[in-house]
């Protein structure tokens, strides 16, 4: 195989390497979870790497039979995971049936789960227990990790090194070994930590907000890095941009941008408390909802880009796809899509009960969302570009490469 690759590289040079890189990228992407955790990644950006469907058809996939506040996550095989108020954790197959019997716990589940690279799924309960399940629904650890009885209210995160990280109402942040379920480290910051943790772009720092009003940064070894210079009075999970800026909405009607060193970068004041976690686009633009019934788009420098009057409070944290389409749910039971450039509506679909959870995005452009009554919906349809288009491109590159091989292998004619 190595000799074959060398011969291929010698004949095609950069073409072979480019083609190989594309094929490796596709292989790696197809083996990873489709939407691994709340907001899609540990930075909590809300970004999807695919194009969402532009003409969705609504499908009711599964009725849980219980209320739900968690946001769904999607495994590599399109199994959707979430917990509910009935004290059970669910795995729903792509066909809409239970992937395995629901996993019963002794406590209510309000936070969102996270999927590891090996397909394991991790979730917490209001009784303070962190569970790990194999993809077949069996327990991964001999017993759940339970350092106390204080609730796990915020979403679980799987960090770059594979470790499982979460915050607790006890005021602690915990890091757990995913293989054994044993504690790696814990860090007490005080107050109640209800909004989970977020990660820096390189995974070396985790951030959490406390009921004491401040934002905390914790190093990968569990040591405290800093406490924010200003109070942020967080009302939601913080999001981290690719330049390391931390965005967090407050109950004081401000969206704060905090520098990686803990100092304030800017604050954008609106007319109501911030009601959603922010979505952070690749260009640094930030999108969020407010109790003033508006949905805001803010430029990287903190100036307002546009405002959409939603006529209702938005609690569903928006996601943004590769084309720049924003998608979020409403308390009226609608899922809406907007153009992130100018705020123009793209489509609206009526679902069921109010939507407080954040949508998840599948690799084929499908959108998964839970309503407050526990109904799981999938919105699917054509995406732009079509998922099959990439296969056509790769096939075309292979044809071009093969043609080049034949031409170079053809003996030169004598004149």
Protein backbone atom coordinates (compact mmCIF):
# COMPACT_ATOMS: atom_id res chain seq x y z
CA UNK A 1 0.00 0.00 0.00
CA UNK A 2 2.83 2.39 0.88
CA UNK A 3 4.59 1.73 -2.45
CA UNK A 4 1.32 2.24 -4.31
CA UNK A 5 0.78 5.59 -2.58
CA UNK A 6 4.35 6.65 -3.41
CA UNK A 7 3.86 5.80 -7.07
CA UNK A 8 0.53 7.62 -7.11
CA UNK A 9 2.08 10.67 -5.45
CA UNK A 10 5.05 10.65 -7.81
CA UNK A 11 2.80 10.70 -10.86
CA UNK A 12 0.18 13.17 -9.64
CA UNK A 13 2.04 15.24 -7.07
CA UNK A 14 -0.27 17.77 -5.43
CA UNK A 15 -3.39 16.33 -7.05
CA UNK A 16 -2.97 13.02 -5.26
CA UNK A 17 -2.30 14.67 -1.95
CA UNK A 18 -5.31 16.97 -2.28
CA UNK A 19 -7.57 14.06 -3.21
CA UNK A 20 -6.26 11.99 -0.32
CA UNK A 21 -6.83 14.87 2.10
CA UNK A 22 -10.43 15.26 0.92
CA UNK A 23 -11.09 11.53 1.30
CA UNK A 24 -9.59 11.48 4.81
CA UNK A 25 -11.67 14.50 5.83
CA UNK A 26 -14.86 12.84 4.59
CA UNK A 27 -13.99 9.58 6.38
CA UNK A 28 -13.30 11.36 9.67
CA UNK A 29 -16.47 13.44 9.44
CA UNK A 30 -18.67 10.45 8.70
CA UNK A 31 -17.42 8.55 11.79
CA UNK A 32 -17.99 11.40 14.25
CA UNK A 33 -21.24 12.25 16.04
CA UNK A 34 -23.47 14.38 13.85
CA UNK A 35 -24.30 16.82 16.69
CA UNK A 36 -22.17 15.83 19.64
CA UNK A 37 -23.43 18.14 22.39
CA UNK A 38 -25.52 21.18 23.28
CA UNK A 39 -24.81 23.93 20.70
CA UNK A 40 -22.89 21.45 18.53
CA UNK A 41 -19.42 21.82 20.06
CA UNK A 42 -17.66 22.47 23.36
CA UNK A 43 -17.28 26.16 22.47
CA UNK A 44 -21.11 26.26 22.37
CA UNK A 45 -21.05 28.23 19.10
CA UNK A 46 -24.26 26.74 17.69
CA UNK A 47 -22.52 26.30 14.33
CA UNK A 48 -23.35 23.49 11.91
CA UNK A 49 -20.77 22.45 9.32
CA UNK A 50 -23.46 21.47 6.84
CA UNK A 51 -26.22 23.21 4.93
CA UNK A 52 -29.62 22.82 6.54
CA UNK A 53 -32.62 21.97 4.42
CA UNK A 54 -34.11 25.03 2.75
CA UNK A 55 -37.56 23.47 2.22
CA UNK A 56 -38.22 21.28 5.27
CA UNK A 57 -40.93 18.70 5.69
CA UNK A 58 -41.99 18.21 9.32
CA UNK A 59 -42.01 14.69 10.76
CA UNK A 60 -43.07 13.80 14.28
CA UNK A 61 -40.45 11.19 15.16
CA UNK A 62 -41.33 10.23 18.73
CA UNK A 63 -43.64 11.24 21.59
CA UNK A 64 -41.85 10.92 24.92
CA UNK A 65 -44.98 11.16 27.02
CA UNK A 66 -43.28 13.52 29.44
CA UNK A 67 -42.14 17.13 29.49
CA UNK A 68 -38.60 17.91 28.42
CA UNK A 69 -36.18 20.84 28.67
CA UNK A 70 -33.05 19.16 27.28
CA UNK A 71 -31.80 19.74 23.75
CA UNK A 72 -31.23 16.69 21.54
CA UNK A 73 -27.86 15.39 20.39
CA UNK A 74 -27.35 13.19 17.34
CA UNK A 75 -25.01 10.20 17.06
CA UNK A 76 -23.10 9.07 13.98
CA UNK A 77 -25.88 6.62 13.01
CA UNK A 78 -28.58 9.32 13.46
CA UNK A 79 -29.74 8.00 16.84
CA UNK A 80 -31.06 10.97 18.82
CA UNK A 81 -30.39 11.18 22.57
CA UNK A 82 -32.09 13.21 25.31
CA UNK A 83 -33.40 12.95 28.86
CA UNK A 84 -36.82 13.93 30.20
CA UNK A 85 -38.83 14.78 33.29
CA UNK A 86 -39.99 11.17 33.61
CA UNK A 87 -36.50 10.30 34.94
CA UNK A 88 -35.62 8.37 31.79
CA UNK A 89 -32.96 8.79 29.12
CA UNK A 90 -33.91 8.04 25.53
CA UNK A 91 -32.17 6.83 22.40
CA UNK A 92 -34.43 7.22 19.36
CA UNK A 93 -33.40 5.48 16.15
CA UNK A 94 -33.57 7.12 12.74
CA UNK A 95 -36.80 5.26 12.02
CA UNK A 96 -38.55 6.76 15.04
CA UNK A 97 -38.54 3.76 17.39
CA UNK A 98 -36.60 3.28 20.60
CA UNK A 99 -33.02 2.26 19.79
CA UNK A 100 -33.01 0.41 23.13
CA UNK A 101 -35.35 0.30 26.16
CA UNK A 102 -35.41 3.69 27.84
CA UNK A 103 -32.78 3.99 30.55
CA UNK A 104 -34.45 4.70 33.89
CA UNK A 105 -32.80 6.73 36.64
CA UNK A 106 -33.99 7.87 40.06
CA UNK A 107 -34.00 11.58 39.22
CA UNK A 108 -35.36 14.08 36.70
CA UNK A 109 -33.13 14.94 33.75
CA UNK A 110 -33.14 18.60 32.73
CA UNK A 111 -29.72 19.09 31.13
CA UNK A 112 -28.46 18.18 27.66
CA UNK A 113 -26.18 15.21 27.09
CA UNK A 114 -22.93 14.83 25.13
CA UNK A 115 -21.54 12.14 22.84
CA UNK A 116 -17.90 11.02 22.90
CA UNK A 117 -15.80 10.07 19.89
CA UNK A 118 -16.39 6.37 20.60
CA UNK A 119 -20.17 6.82 20.56
CA UNK A 120 -20.60 6.77 24.35
CA UNK A 121 -23.20 9.22 25.64
CA UNK A 122 -23.00 11.11 28.94
CA UNK A 123 -25.84 12.79 30.87
CA UNK A 124 -26.53 14.23 34.30
CA UNK A 125 -29.52 14.27 36.64
CA UNK A 126 -31.02 16.61 39.20
CA UNK A 127 -29.83 14.15 41.86
CA UNK A 128 -26.20 14.95 41.02
CA UNK A 129 -25.36 11.74 39.11
CA UNK A 130 -23.35 11.61 35.88
CA UNK A 131 -24.16 8.55 33.77
CA UNK A 132 -22.29 7.02 30.84
CA UNK A 133 -24.00 4.69 28.36
CA UNK A 134 -22.61 2.61 25.53
CA UNK A 135 -24.21 3.04 22.08
CA UNK A 136 -26.38 -0.03 22.79
CA UNK A 137 -27.88 1.62 25.88
CA UNK A 138 -25.99 -0.41 28.48
CA UNK A 139 -24.11 1.23 31.33
CA UNK A 140 -20.48 2.00 30.49
CA UNK A 141 -19.33 2.48 34.08
CA UNK A 142 -19.97 0.13 37.03
CA UNK A 143 -21.81 3.01 38.73
CA UNK A 144 -22.62 6.60 37.86
CA UNK A 145 -20.24 9.31 39.07
CA UNK A 146 -21.99 11.03 41.98
CA UNK A 147 -19.89 13.41 44.12
CA UNK A 148 -22.96 14.82 45.85
CA UNK A 149 -26.71 15.32 45.57
CA UNK A 150 -26.74 18.82 44.05
CA UNK A 151 -28.38 19.03 40.63
CA UNK A 152 -26.62 18.97 37.29
CA UNK A 153 -28.59 21.69 35.51
CA UNK A 154 -26.19 22.68 32.73
CA UNK A 155 -25.22 20.75 29.61
CA UNK A 156 -22.45 18.14 29.70
CA UNK A 157 -19.33 18.72 27.56
CA UNK A 158 -16.82 16.34 26.03
CA UNK A 159 -13.57 18.24 25.61
CA UNK A 160 -10.81 17.87 23.04
CA UNK A 161 -8.89 15.39 25.17
CA UNK A 162 -12.01 13.23 25.49
CA UNK A 163 -12.60 14.09 29.14
CA UNK A 164 -16.14 14.71 30.37
CA UNK A 165 -16.65 18.08 32.03
CA UNK A 166 -19.69 19.57 33.75
CA UNK A 167 -20.79 22.03 36.43
CA UNK A 168 -23.05 21.48 39.41
CA UNK A 169 -25.41 23.51 41.53
CA UNK A 170 -22.95 22.72 44.34
CA UNK A 171 -20.57 25.35 42.94
CA UNK A 172 -18.09 22.78 41.63
CA UNK A 173 -16.80 22.08 38.13
CA UNK A 174 -15.86 18.43 37.60
CA UNK A 175 -13.64 16.65 35.09
CA UNK A 176 -14.23 12.90 34.76
CA UNK A 177 -12.26 10.15 33.04
CA UNK A 178 -14.54 8.86 30.24
CA UNK A 179 -13.14 5.32 30.37
CA UNK A 180 -13.43 4.68 34.11
CA UNK A 181 -15.92 7.25 35.42
CA UNK A 182 -13.35 8.36 38.01
CA UNK A 183 -12.69 11.96 39.01
CA UNK A 184 -9.80 13.71 37.25
CA UNK A 185 -10.17 16.99 39.14
CA UNK A 186 -12.73 19.29 40.70
CA UNK A 187 -12.70 23.05 41.20
CA UNK A 188 -14.92 24.98 43.59
CA UNK A 189 -15.85 28.49 42.41
CA UNK A 190 -18.90 29.15 44.59
CA UNK A 191 -22.54 29.93 43.98
CA UNK A 192 -24.72 27.70 41.81
CA UNK A 193 -23.40 26.74 38.38
CA UNK A 194 -26.59 26.23 36.41
CA UNK A 195 -25.41 27.00 32.88
CA UNK A 196 -22.83 24.28 32.26
CA UNK A 197 -19.33 24.74 30.89
CA UNK A 198 -17.86 25.98 27.62
CA UNK A 199 -14.38 25.47 26.18
CA UNK A 200 -11.71 27.68 24.67
CA UNK A 201 -10.93 26.96 20.99
CA UNK A 202 -7.82 24.91 21.83
CA UNK A 203 -9.47 23.11 24.75
CA UNK A 204 -6.98 24.37 27.35
CA UNK A 205 -9.52 26.40 29.34
CA UNK A 206 -13.13 25.82 30.41
CA UNK A 207 -15.53 28.60 31.35
CA UNK A 208 -18.50 28.60 33.67
CA UNK A 209 -20.82 31.25 35.07
CA UNK A 210 -21.95 31.37 38.68
CA UNK A 211 -25.00 32.70 40.48
CA UNK A 212 -22.57 35.09 42.21
CA UNK A 213 -22.64 37.03 38.93
CA UNK A 214 -19.14 36.30 37.64
CA UNK A 215 -17.55 34.29 34.85
CA UNK A 216 -14.76 31.88 35.79
CA UNK A 217 -11.96 30.40 33.70
CA UNK A 218 -10.43 27.08 34.76
CA UNK A 219 -7.26 25.56 33.31
CA UNK A 220 -7.13 22.02 31.93
CA UNK A 221 -5.51 20.81 35.19
CA UNK A 222 -8.35 22.22 37.32
CA UNK A 223 -6.53 25.29 38.60
CA UNK A 224 -8.36 28.62 38.57
CA UNK A 225 -7.16 30.87 35.75
CA UNK A 226 -9.22 33.97 36.49
CA UNK A 227 -12.47 35.46 37.70
CA UNK A 228 -13.94 38.02 35.31
CA UNK A 229 -13.11 41.66 36.01
CA UNK A 230 -16.78 42.59 35.77
CA UNK A 231 -19.99 40.86 36.80
CA UNK A 232 -21.91 39.37 33.87
CA UNK A 233 -25.03 38.22 35.74
CA UNK A 234 -25.40 35.29 33.34
CA UNK A 235 -28.80 34.09 32.25
CA UNK A 236 -27.50 31.45 29.84
CA UNK A 237 -24.57 29.32 28.75
CA UNK A 238 -21.61 31.30 27.46
CA UNK A 239 -20.32 30.83 23.90
CA UNK A 240 -16.71 31.15 22.76
CA UNK A 241 -15.63 32.60 19.43
CA UNK A 242 -12.71 31.31 17.40
CA UNK A 243 -10.58 34.26 18.57
CA UNK A 244 -11.20 33.26 22.19
CA UNK A 245 -13.78 35.96 22.98
CA UNK A 246 -16.39 34.71 25.45
CA UNK A 247 -19.99 35.86 24.91
CA UNK A 248 -22.50 35.68 27.72
CA UNK A 249 -25.95 37.19 28.08
CA UNK A 250 -27.07 38.69 31.35
CA UNK A 251 -30.19 39.30 33.37
CA UNK A 252 -29.17 42.99 33.31
CA UNK A 253 -30.07 43.24 29.59
CA UNK A 254 -26.45 43.18 28.40
CA UNK A 255 -24.66 40.79 26.09
CA UNK A 256 -21.08 40.81 27.31
CA UNK A 257 -17.99 40.10 25.24
CA UNK A 258 -15.13 39.07 27.53
CA UNK A 259 -11.51 38.88 26.41
CA UNK A 260 -9.56 35.64 26.94
CA UNK A 261 -7.81 37.31 29.91
CA UNK A 262 -11.09 38.05 31.73
CA UNK A 263 -11.35 41.76 30.95
CA UNK A 264 -14.42 43.28 29.33
CA UNK A 265 -14.18 43.76 25.57
CA UNK A 266 -17.59 45.36 25.08
CA UNK A 267 -21.20 45.14 26.22
CA UNK A 268 -24.29 45.52 24.07
CA UNK A 269 -27.33 46.64 26.03
CA UNK A 270 -30.82 45.73 24.75
CA UNK A 271 -34.27 46.24 26.26
CA UNK A 272 -34.77 42.97 28.12
CA UNK A 273 -32.71 40.20 29.70
CA UNK A 274 -30.90 37.90 27.29
CA UNK A 275 -32.99 34.73 27.01
CA UNK A 276 -30.86 32.47 24.81
CA UNK A 277 -27.28 31.34 24.54
CA UNK A 278 -25.60 33.16 21.67
CA UNK A 279 -24.75 31.68 18.29
CA UNK A 280 -21.31 32.76 17.05
CA UNK A 281 -20.71 32.81 13.29
CA UNK A 282 -17.29 32.19 11.80
CA UNK A 283 -16.89 35.92 11.10
CA UNK A 284 -17.47 36.70 14.79
CA UNK A 285 -21.05 37.97 14.45
CA UNK A 286 -23.28 37.05 17.40
CA UNK A 287 -27.01 36.20 17.42
CA UNK A 288 -29.38 35.92 20.39
CA UNK A 289 -32.91 36.42 21.68
CA UNK A 290 -34.18 38.77 24.39
CA UNK A 291 -37.14 39.16 26.72
CA UNK A 292 -37.95 42.39 24.86
CA UNK A 293 -39.45 40.13 22.13
CA UNK A 294 -36.63 40.90 19.70
CA UNK A 295 -33.99 38.72 18.08
CA UNK A 296 -30.64 40.48 17.68
CA UNK A 297 -27.68 40.25 15.33
CA UNK A 298 -24.53 41.99 16.61
CA UNK A 299 -21.30 42.64 14.73
CA UNK A 300 -17.92 41.48 16.12
CA UNK A 301 -17.29 45.01 17.47
CA UNK A 302 -20.56 45.06 19.43
CA UNK A 303 -22.55 47.29 17.08
CA UNK A 304 -26.04 46.17 16.09
CA UNK A 305 -26.24 44.47 12.71
CA UNK A 306 -30.03 44.06 12.59
CA UNK A 307 -33.02 43.43 14.85
CA UNK A 308 -36.06 41.26 14.18
CA UNK A 309 -39.23 41.79 16.16
CA UNK A 310 -40.29 38.24 16.99
CA UNK A 311 -43.46 39.29 18.90
CA UNK A 312 -42.70 36.63 21.51
CA UNK A 313 -39.89 35.78 23.89
CA UNK A 314 -37.34 33.39 22.42
CA UNK A 315 -35.74 30.81 24.72
CA UNK A 316 -34.49 28.45 22.02
CA UNK A 317 -30.79 29.11 21.42
CA UNK A 318 -30.22 29.62 17.68
CA UNK A 319 -28.04 27.50 15.42
CA UNK A 320 -26.37 28.76 12.27
CA UNK A 321 -25.61 26.53 9.28
CA UNK A 322 -22.76 26.63 6.75
CA UNK A 323 -24.74 28.94 4.48
CA UNK A 324 -25.46 31.41 7.28
CA UNK A 325 -29.08 30.44 7.91
CA UNK A 326 -30.20 30.96 11.52
CA UNK A 327 -32.70 28.51 13.02
CA UNK A 328 -34.50 28.69 16.38
CA UNK A 329 -37.79 27.76 18.01
CA UNK A 330 -40.45 29.96 19.60
CA UNK A 331 -42.72 29.67 22.62
CA UNK A 332 -45.62 29.54 20.17
CA UNK A 333 -44.40 26.19 18.82
CA UNK A 334 -42.86 27.42 15.56
CA UNK A 335 -39.41 26.69 14.16
CA UNK A 336 -38.09 29.65 12.18
CA UNK A 337 -35.21 30.23 9.80
CA UNK A 338 -33.65 33.61 8.96
CA UNK A 339 -30.93 34.98 6.72
CA UNK A 340 -28.09 35.95 9.05
CA UNK A 341 -26.88 38.70 6.73
CA UNK A 342 -30.01 40.85 6.73
CA UNK A 343 -32.53 39.19 9.07
CA UNK A 344 -34.93 38.29 6.28
CA UNK A 345 -37.24 35.35 7.09
CA UNK A 346 -36.48 32.19 5.10
CA UNK A 347 -39.16 29.78 6.32
CA UNK A 348 -41.41 28.96 9.28
CA UNK A 349 -42.82 25.59 10.27
CA UNK A 350 -45.48 25.02 12.94
CA UNK A 351 -44.72 22.09 15.25
CA UNK A 352 -46.52 21.51 18.54
CA UNK A 353 -45.97 22.86 22.04
CA UNK A 354 -43.58 25.69 22.90
CA UNK A 355 -39.95 25.22 21.96
CA UNK A 356 -37.38 26.04 24.62
CA UNK A 357 -34.63 23.66 23.52
CA UNK A 358 -31.93 24.37 20.95
CA UNK A 359 -32.13 22.56 17.59
CA UNK A 360 -29.58 19.97 16.48
CA UNK A 361 -28.40 19.57 12.88
CA UNK A 362 -27.73 16.28 11.11
CA UNK A 363 -25.09 15.61 8.49
CA UNK A 364 -27.70 15.49 5.71
CA UNK A 365 -29.12 18.90 6.65
CA UNK A 366 -32.00 17.55 8.74
CA UNK A 367 -32.98 19.53 11.84
CA UNK A 368 -33.95 17.85 15.12
CA UNK A 369 -35.82 19.67 17.87
CA UNK A 370 -37.78 18.82 21.03
CA UNK A 371 -40.82 20.75 22.18
CA UNK A 372 -41.70 21.29 25.85
CA UNK A 373 -44.20 18.40 25.77
CA UNK A 374 -41.44 15.95 24.86
CA UNK A 375 -42.26 15.51 21.17
CA UNK A 376 -39.20 14.96 18.98
CA UNK A 377 -39.43 16.40 15.47
CA UNK A 378 -37.21 16.00 12.44
CA UNK A 379 -37.35 18.52 9.61
CA UNK A 380 -35.80 17.15 6.46
CA UNK A 381 -35.71 17.95 2.78
CA UNK A 382 -33.42 19.27 0.05
CA UNK A 383 -30.25 21.06 1.11
CA UNK A 384 -28.00 23.34 -0.89
CA UNK A 385 -25.70 21.93 -2.04
CA UNK A 386 -27.34 18.51 -2.08
CA UNK A 387 -25.52 15.98 0.13
CA UNK A 388 -24.88 13.84 -2.97
CA UNK A 389 -23.11 16.71 -4.71
CA UNK A 390 -19.96 16.14 -2.70
CA UNK A 391 -19.82 12.54 -3.85
CA UNK A 392 -20.06 13.78 -7.43
CA UNK A 393 -17.17 16.18 -6.84
CA UNK A 394 -14.99 13.46 -5.34
CA UNK A 395 -15.88 11.09 -8.19
CA UNK A 396 -14.96 13.81 -10.68
CA UNK A 397 -11.62 14.38 -8.99
CA UNK A 398 -10.91 10.65 -9.13
CA UNK A 399 -11.74 10.56 -12.83
CA UNK A 400 -9.44 13.49 -13.50
CA UNK A 401 -6.68 11.85 -11.51
CA UNK A 402 -7.09 8.54 -13.33
CA UNK A 403 -6.96 10.33 -16.69
CA UNK A 404 -3.78 12.11 -15.65
CA UNK A 405 -2.25 8.78 -14.64
CA UNK A 406 -3.04 7.23 -18.01
CA UNK A 407 -1.64 10.17 -19.91
CA UNK A 408 1.58 10.20 -17.93
CA UNK A 409 1.94 6.44 -18.24
CA UNK A 410 1.44 6.56 -22.03
CA UNK A 411 4.80 6.16 -23.87
CA UNK A 412 5.97 9.25 -25.73
CA UNK A 413 5.68 8.99 -29.50
CA UNK A 414 8.78 9.38 -31.61
CA UNK A 415 8.68 12.13 -34.18
